Amino acid sequence: QVHIVESGGGLVQPGGSLTLSCETSGSVVDIGTMRWYRQAPGKERELVASITRAGSTYVANSVKGRFSVSRDNAKSAEFLQMGNLQPDDTAVYSCNVDTPIGNFWGQGTQVTVST
């Protein structure tokens, strides 16, 4: 089993920055591709960014140039650096990971961009 905990969400003003963290723990050592999804009220879930174990990254066009993704394989952790946040970025951000025993989700962390 893999346990996932996201942190770093909160309330931020437009133009502000946040860094989200996704920490994994459990019996699985080899964490594969790690992803960040977000879902805003009334909208479909959106893939925001992903990073393979080797470090290849994907960032959605909607956040390109403002968000970046990174990971620490030694800590089995993933990070989402978010800059120039806008109200449309308000959503629950969730971490998703591939492992040899399956795909796992975290509970999510709320990001609210508002004055």
Protein backbone atom coordinates (compact mmCIF):
# COMPACT_ATOMS: atom_id res chain seq x y z
CA GLN A 1 0.00 0.00 0.00
CA VAL A 2 1.11 3.59 -0.68
CA HIS A 3 0.09 6.50 1.52
CA ILE A 4 0.10 9.96 -0.06
CA VAL A 5 -0.07 13.31 1.70
CA GLU A 6 -0.28 16.64 -0.07
CA SER A 7 0.54 19.91 1.64
CA GLY A 8 1.21 23.54 0.87
CA GLY A 9 -2.21 24.70 -0.23
CA GLY A 10 -3.93 27.76 1.12
CA LEU A 11 -5.29 31.19 0.36
CA VAL A 12 -3.16 33.47 -1.80
CA GLN A 13 -3.76 36.77 -3.53
CA PRO A 14 -3.67 37.03 -7.33
CA GLY A 15 -0.09 37.21 -8.52
CA GLY A 16 1.15 35.24 -5.53
CA SER A 17 3.04 31.96 -5.32
CA LEU A 18 2.68 28.62 -3.59
CA THR A 19 4.61 25.38 -3.60
CA LEU A 20 2.69 22.16 -3.16
CA SER A 21 4.34 19.03 -1.81
CA CYS A 22 3.35 15.42 -2.29
CA GLU A 23 4.99 12.95 0.08
CA THR A 24 4.60 9.21 -0.28
CA SER A 25 5.21 6.45 2.19
CA GLY A 26 4.56 2.75 2.46
CA SER A 27 5.97 -0.55 1.35
CA VAL A 28 6.65 0.49 -2.25
CA VAL A 29 10.06 1.98 -2.91
CA ASP A 30 10.01 2.47 -6.67
CA ILE A 31 7.63 5.34 -7.37
CA GLY A 32 7.12 5.84 -11.10
CA THR A 33 5.47 8.78 -12.79
CA MET A 34 4.05 11.35 -10.38
CA ARG A 35 1.30 13.75 -11.41
CA TRP A 36 -0.62 16.77 -10.17
CA TYR A 37 -4.28 17.08 -11.06
CA ARG A 38 -6.69 19.83 -10.12
CA GLN A 39 -10.45 20.08 -10.01
CA ALA A 40 -12.39 23.27 -9.60
CA PRO A 41 -16.07 23.30 -8.57
CA GLY A 42 -18.26 22.42 -11.53
CA LYS A 43 -15.32 21.58 -13.77
CA GLU A 44 -13.70 18.36 -14.90
CA ARG A 45 -10.47 17.18 -13.36
CA GLU A 46 -7.45 18.52 -15.24
CA LEU A 47 -3.91 17.14 -15.47
CA VAL A 48 -1.68 20.05 -14.49
CA ALA A 49 1.79 18.51 -14.56
CA SER A 50 3.66 15.24 -14.43
CA ILE A 51 7.21 14.03 -13.98
CA THR A 52 8.73 10.64 -14.68
CA ARG A 53 11.23 8.95 -12.42
CA ALA A 54 13.94 9.96 -14.88
CA GLY A 55 12.85 13.59 -14.65
CA SER A 56 10.96 14.12 -17.89
CA THR A 57 8.22 16.67 -17.31
CA TYR A 58 4.89 17.72 -18.75
CA VAL A 59 3.12 20.97 -17.90
CA ALA A 60 -0.36 21.84 -19.16
CA ASN A 61 -0.66 24.76 -21.55
CA SER A 62 -3.01 26.48 -19.14
CA VAL A 63 -0.21 26.88 -16.58
CA LYS A 64 2.91 26.76 -18.73
CA GLY A 65 5.36 29.47 -17.83
CA ARG A 66 3.81 29.85 -14.36
CA PHE A 67 3.99 26.34 -12.88
CA SER A 68 6.84 23.86 -12.72
CA VAL A 69 7.12 20.33 -11.36
CA SER A 70 10.01 18.59 -9.67
CA ARG A 71 10.66 15.53 -7.53
CA ASP A 72 13.07 14.08 -5.01
CA ASN A 73 13.42 10.37 -5.69
CA ALA A 74 15.31 9.77 -2.45
CA LYS A 75 12.30 11.06 -0.52
CA SER A 76 9.68 9.76 -2.99
CA ALA A 77 8.29 13.28 -3.08
CA GLU A 78 6.94 15.56 -5.77
CA PHE A 79 6.59 19.33 -5.80
CA LEU A 80 4.52 21.80 -7.79
CA GLN A 81 5.89 25.31 -7.86
CA MET A 82 3.11 27.74 -8.75
CA GLY A 83 3.68 31.37 -9.63
CA ASN A 84 1.58 34.33 -10.77
CA LEU A 85 -1.49 32.56 -9.45
CA GLN A 86 -4.84 33.69 -10.77
CA PRO A 87 -8.42 33.14 -9.57
CA ASP A 88 -8.89 30.50 -12.29
CA ASP A 89 -6.22 28.43 -10.54
CA THR A 90 -8.52 27.96 -7.56
CA ALA A 91 -9.09 24.22 -7.18
CA VAL A 92 -8.34 21.14 -5.16
CA TYR A 93 -4.92 19.90 -6.23
CA SER A 94 -4.30 16.17 -5.95
CA CYS A 95 -1.21 14.04 -6.28
CA ASN A 96 -1.34 10.81 -8.28
CA VAL A 97 1.46 8.26 -8.50
CA ASP A 98 2.25 5.12 -10.45
CA THR A 99 3.83 2.23 -8.57
CA PRO A 100 4.55 -1.42 -9.37
CA ILE A 101 1.46 -2.37 -7.37
CA GLY A 102 -0.93 0.17 -8.82
CA ASN A 103 -1.96 3.79 -9.16
CA PHE A 104 -2.67 5.82 -6.02
CA TRP A 105 -4.26 9.17 -5.17
CA GLY A 106 -3.85 11.58 -2.32
CA GLN A 107 -6.72 13.37 -0.60
CA GLY A 108 -5.89 16.71 -2.19
CA THR A 109 -5.07 20.18 -0.94
CA GLN A 110 -7.17 23.29 -1.53
CA VAL A 111 -5.67 26.26 -3.34
CA THR A 112 -7.74 29.43 -3.31
CA VAL A 113 -6.66 32.53 -5.22
CA SER A 114 -8.64 35.54 -4.14
CA THR A 115 -8.39 39.08 -2.87
